[in-house]
Amino acid sequence: MLASSAQTEFREDLKGLYRQAGCANKPTVFLFDETQIVYETFLEDVNNILTSGEVPNLFPRVSTCSGTHFGPCRNAPRGMELKGR
């Protein structure tokens, strides 16, 4: 039960990270050190973030017009101006 609970909590934290950085467009830092590696799956998730930018099955697919869970915020960056260019 504890293993499942810790993995679920880690995944919920990752969801919050993606919502904060992606949907809320807030500057975000993901700080993760070796003492926080409780299960090998944590490393797999971090590796997926670093290699592809997403964690498989982190968010459920929703059958709506938007196609995914992030549909409402997917188009938000299109209207944003890039600073420093």
N, C-alpha and C. Protein backbone atom coordinates (compact mmCIF):
# COMPACT_ATOMS: atom_id res chain seq x y z
N MET A 1 0.82 -1.19 0.00
CA MET A 1 0.00 0.00 0.00
C MET A 1 0.87 1.26 0.00
N LEU A 2 1.94 1.27 0.76
CA LEU A 2 2.80 2.44 0.80
C LEU A 2 3.45 2.73 -0.54
N ALA A 3 3.89 1.69 -1.25
CA ALA A 3 4.54 1.89 -2.55
C ALA A 3 3.57 2.55 -3.51
N SER A 4 2.38 2.03 -3.57
CA SER A 4 1.38 2.59 -4.48
C SER A 4 1.04 4.03 -4.09
N SER A 5 0.96 4.28 -2.81
CA SER A 5 0.64 5.62 -2.32
C SER A 5 1.74 6.61 -2.69
N ALA A 6 2.99 6.24 -2.51
CA ALA A 6 4.10 7.13 -2.84
C ALA A 6 4.17 7.40 -4.35
N GLN A 7 3.93 6.38 -5.15
CA GLN A 7 3.95 6.55 -6.61
C GLN A 7 2.80 7.43 -7.07
N THR A 8 1.65 7.25 -6.47
CA THR A 8 0.50 8.09 -6.81
C THR A 8 0.76 9.54 -6.44
N GLU A 9 1.34 9.75 -5.27
CA GLU A 9 1.65 11.11 -4.83
C GLU A 9 2.67 11.77 -5.76
N PHE A 10 3.69 11.03 -6.17
CA PHE A 10 4.69 11.55 -7.10
C PHE A 10 4.04 11.93 -8.42
N ARG A 11 3.17 11.09 -8.92
CA ARG A 11 2.49 11.37 -10.18
C ARG A 11 1.58 12.60 -10.05
N GLU A 12 0.92 12.75 -8.91
CA GLU A 12 0.08 13.93 -8.69
C GLU A 12 0.93 15.20 -8.66
N ASP A 13 2.12 15.11 -8.07
CA ASP A 13 3.04 16.25 -8.07
C ASP A 13 3.47 16.61 -9.49
N LEU A 14 3.72 15.59 -10.32
CA LEU A 14 4.09 15.84 -11.71
C LEU A 14 2.93 16.50 -12.47
N LYS A 15 1.72 16.07 -12.20
CA LYS A 15 0.55 16.70 -12.84
C LYS A 15 0.48 18.17 -12.47
N GLY A 16 0.71 18.46 -11.20
CA GLY A 16 0.71 19.86 -10.75
C GLY A 16 1.79 20.67 -11.44
N LEU A 17 2.95 20.06 -11.62
CA LEU A 17 4.06 20.71 -12.32
C LEU A 17 3.66 21.06 -13.76
N TYR A 18 3.09 20.10 -14.47
CA TYR A 18 2.68 20.34 -15.85
C TYR A 18 1.57 21.39 -15.93
N ARG A 19 0.63 21.36 -15.01
CA ARG A 19 -0.44 22.36 -15.02
C ARG A 19 0.11 23.76 -14.75
N GLN A 20 1.02 23.85 -13.79
CA GLN A 20 1.60 25.15 -13.44
C GLN A 20 2.42 25.72 -14.58
N ALA A 21 3.28 24.91 -15.16
CA ALA A 21 4.16 25.38 -16.22
C ALA A 21 3.44 25.52 -17.55
N GLY A 22 2.57 24.56 -17.86
CA GLY A 22 1.93 24.55 -19.17
C GLY A 22 0.65 25.35 -19.26
N CYS A 23 -0.27 25.10 -18.36
CA CYS A 23 -1.58 25.77 -18.43
C CYS A 23 -1.57 27.15 -17.78
N ALA A 24 -0.95 27.26 -16.61
CA ALA A 24 -0.93 28.54 -15.91
C ALA A 24 0.21 29.43 -16.40
N ASN A 25 1.13 28.87 -17.21
CA ASN A 25 2.25 29.61 -17.78
C ASN A 25 3.09 30.32 -16.72
N LYS A 26 3.32 29.63 -15.60
CA LYS A 26 4.14 30.19 -14.53
C LYS A 26 5.55 29.63 -14.64
N PRO A 27 6.56 30.48 -14.46
CA PRO A 27 7.94 29.97 -14.45
C PRO A 27 8.06 28.90 -13.36
N THR A 28 8.62 27.76 -13.73
CA THR A 28 8.64 26.62 -12.83
C THR A 28 9.99 25.92 -12.86
N VAL A 29 10.43 25.47 -11.71
CA VAL A 29 11.66 24.70 -11.59
C VAL A 29 11.30 23.33 -11.03
N PHE A 30 11.83 22.29 -11.65
CA PHE A 30 11.65 20.93 -11.16
C PHE A 30 12.98 20.50 -10.57
N LEU A 31 13.06 20.44 -9.26
CA LEU A 31 14.29 20.09 -8.56
C LEU A 31 14.12 18.70 -7.97
N PHE A 32 14.95 17.78 -8.40
CA PHE A 32 14.82 16.37 -8.02
C PHE A 32 16.22 15.83 -7.78
N ASP A 33 16.51 15.34 -6.57
CA ASP A 33 17.85 14.80 -6.33
C ASP A 33 17.76 13.32 -5.95
N GLU A 34 18.91 12.70 -5.86
CA GLU A 34 18.98 11.24 -5.69
C GLU A 34 18.32 10.74 -4.41
N THR A 35 18.21 11.58 -3.40
CA THR A 35 17.56 11.13 -2.16
C THR A 35 16.05 10.97 -2.33
N GLN A 36 15.50 11.54 -3.38
CA GLN A 36 14.06 11.45 -3.63
C GLN A 36 13.67 10.27 -4.51
N ILE A 37 14.65 9.50 -4.94
CA ILE A 37 14.37 8.34 -5.77
C ILE A 37 13.97 7.18 -4.85
N VAL A 38 12.70 7.06 -4.63
CA VAL A 38 12.19 6.01 -3.76
C VAL A 38 11.93 4.74 -4.56
N TYR A 39 11.47 4.90 -5.79
CA TYR A 39 11.16 3.76 -6.65
C TYR A 39 11.75 4.01 -8.04
N GLU A 40 12.09 2.95 -8.71
CA GLU A 40 12.67 3.05 -10.04
C GLU A 40 11.72 3.75 -11.01
N THR A 41 10.44 3.63 -10.78
CA THR A 41 9.46 4.28 -11.66
C THR A 41 9.62 5.80 -11.63
N PHE A 42 10.11 6.35 -10.51
CA PHE A 42 10.35 7.79 -10.44
C PHE A 42 11.38 8.18 -11.49
N LEU A 43 12.46 7.39 -11.59
CA LEU A 43 13.50 7.67 -12.59
C LEU A 43 12.96 7.53 -14.00
N GLU A 44 12.12 6.54 -14.22
CA GLU A 44 11.53 6.35 -15.55
C GLU A 44 10.71 7.57 -15.94
N ASP A 45 9.93 8.10 -15.00
CA ASP A 45 9.12 9.29 -15.28
C ASP A 45 10.00 10.50 -15.57
N VAL A 46 11.05 10.70 -14.77
CA VAL A 46 11.96 11.83 -14.99
C VAL A 46 12.67 11.67 -16.32
N ASN A 47 13.09 10.47 -16.65
CA ASN A 47 13.73 10.21 -17.94
C ASN A 47 12.79 10.56 -19.09
N ASN A 48 11.52 10.20 -18.97
CA ASN A 48 10.54 10.54 -20.01
C ASN A 48 10.39 12.05 -20.16
N ILE A 49 10.40 12.76 -19.04
CA ILE A 49 10.31 14.22 -19.10
C ILE A 49 11.51 14.79 -19.85
N LEU A 50 12.68 14.28 -19.53
CA LEU A 50 13.90 14.81 -20.15
C LEU A 50 14.03 14.44 -21.62
N THR A 51 13.57 13.25 -22.01
CA THR A 51 13.74 12.82 -23.40
C THR A 51 12.61 13.26 -24.32
N SER A 52 11.37 13.22 -23.82
CA SER A 52 10.26 13.54 -24.73
C SER A 52 9.40 14.71 -24.25
N GLY A 53 9.58 15.12 -23.00
CA GLY A 53 8.78 16.22 -22.49
C GLY A 53 7.44 15.81 -21.93
N GLU A 54 7.17 14.52 -21.94
CA GLU A 54 5.89 14.06 -21.39
C GLU A 54 6.05 12.72 -20.69
N VAL A 55 5.10 12.44 -19.81
CA VAL A 55 5.09 11.18 -19.08
C VAL A 55 3.88 10.38 -19.58
N PRO A 56 4.13 9.19 -20.14
CA PRO A 56 3.03 8.38 -20.66
C PRO A 56 1.98 8.10 -19.59
N ASN A 57 0.75 8.23 -19.98
CA ASN A 57 -0.41 7.93 -19.11
C ASN A 57 -0.47 8.77 -17.84
N LEU A 58 0.14 9.94 -17.85
CA LEU A 58 0.06 10.81 -16.68
C LEU A 58 -1.34 11.40 -16.56
N PHE A 59 -1.89 11.81 -17.69
CA PHE A 59 -3.25 12.34 -17.73
C PHE A 59 -4.12 11.41 -18.54
N PRO A 60 -5.37 11.22 -18.11
CA PRO A 60 -6.27 10.37 -18.89
C PRO A 60 -6.69 11.06 -20.19
N ARG A 61 -6.91 10.28 -21.21
CA ARG A 61 -7.42 10.84 -22.45
C ARG A 61 -8.90 11.13 -22.24
N VAL A 62 -9.33 12.27 -22.73
CA VAL A 62 -10.72 12.66 -22.58
C VAL A 62 -11.33 12.75 -23.97
N SER A 63 -12.48 12.15 -24.14
CA SER A 63 -13.11 12.20 -25.46
C SER A 63 -13.97 13.46 -25.56
N THR A 64 -13.33 14.53 -25.99
CA THR A 64 -14.02 15.80 -26.21
C THR A 64 -13.55 16.35 -27.55
N CYS A 65 -14.06 17.49 -27.93
CA CYS A 65 -13.62 18.11 -29.18
C CYS A 65 -12.13 18.43 -29.15
N SER A 66 -11.64 18.76 -27.96
CA SER A 66 -10.24 19.16 -27.85
C SER A 66 -9.30 17.97 -27.97
N GLY A 67 -9.80 16.76 -27.73
CA GLY A 67 -8.98 15.58 -27.92
C GLY A 67 -8.20 15.11 -26.71
N THR A 68 -7.72 16.03 -25.89
CA THR A 68 -6.93 15.61 -24.73
C THR A 68 -7.33 16.41 -23.50
N HIS A 69 -6.77 16.01 -22.40
CA HIS A 69 -7.02 16.67 -21.12
C HIS A 69 -6.56 18.13 -21.16
N PHE A 70 -5.53 18.43 -21.94
CA PHE A 70 -4.99 19.78 -21.99
C PHE A 70 -5.60 20.64 -23.09
N GLY A 71 -6.65 20.16 -23.72
CA GLY A 71 -7.25 20.89 -24.81
C GLY A 71 -7.49 22.37 -24.55
N PRO A 72 -8.10 22.75 -23.41
CA PRO A 72 -8.38 24.16 -23.18
C PRO A 72 -7.15 25.04 -23.10
N CYS A 73 -6.02 24.51 -22.67
CA CYS A 73 -4.84 25.36 -22.55
C CYS A 73 -3.83 25.13 -23.67
N ARG A 74 -4.10 24.20 -24.55
CA ARG A 74 -3.17 23.89 -25.63
C ARG A 74 -2.98 25.08 -26.57
N ASN A 75 -4.01 25.84 -26.83
CA ASN A 75 -3.91 26.96 -27.77
C ASN A 75 -3.45 28.26 -27.11
N ALA A 76 -3.37 28.29 -25.79
CA ALA A 76 -3.01 29.52 -25.09
C ALA A 76 -1.66 30.07 -25.52
N PRO A 77 -0.60 29.27 -25.67
CA PRO A 77 0.70 29.84 -26.03
C PRO A 77 0.76 30.46 -27.42
N ARG A 78 -0.15 30.10 -28.29
CA ARG A 78 -0.11 30.62 -29.66
C ARG A 78 -0.24 32.14 -29.72
N GLY A 79 -0.99 32.71 -28.79
CA GLY A 79 -1.18 34.15 -28.80
C GLY A 79 -0.14 34.90 -27.98
N MET A 80 0.77 34.19 -27.36
CA MET A 80 1.76 34.83 -26.51
C MET A 80 2.93 35.35 -27.32
N GLU A 81 3.50 36.43 -26.87
CA GLU A 81 4.66 37.01 -27.54
C GLU A 81 5.92 36.49 -26.88
N LEU A 82 6.90 36.10 -27.65
CA LEU A 82 8.17 35.63 -27.12
C LEU A 82 9.02 36.82 -26.68
N LYS A 83 9.46 36.79 -25.46
CA LYS A 83 10.26 37.89 -24.93
C LYS A 83 11.73 37.65 -25.22
N GLY A 84 12.46 38.70 -25.44
CA GLY A 84 13.90 38.61 -25.66
C GLY A 84 14.29 38.32 -27.09
N ARG A 85 13.36 38.40 -28.00
CA ARG A 85 13.69 38.13 -29.42
C ARG A 85 13.38 39.33 -30.25
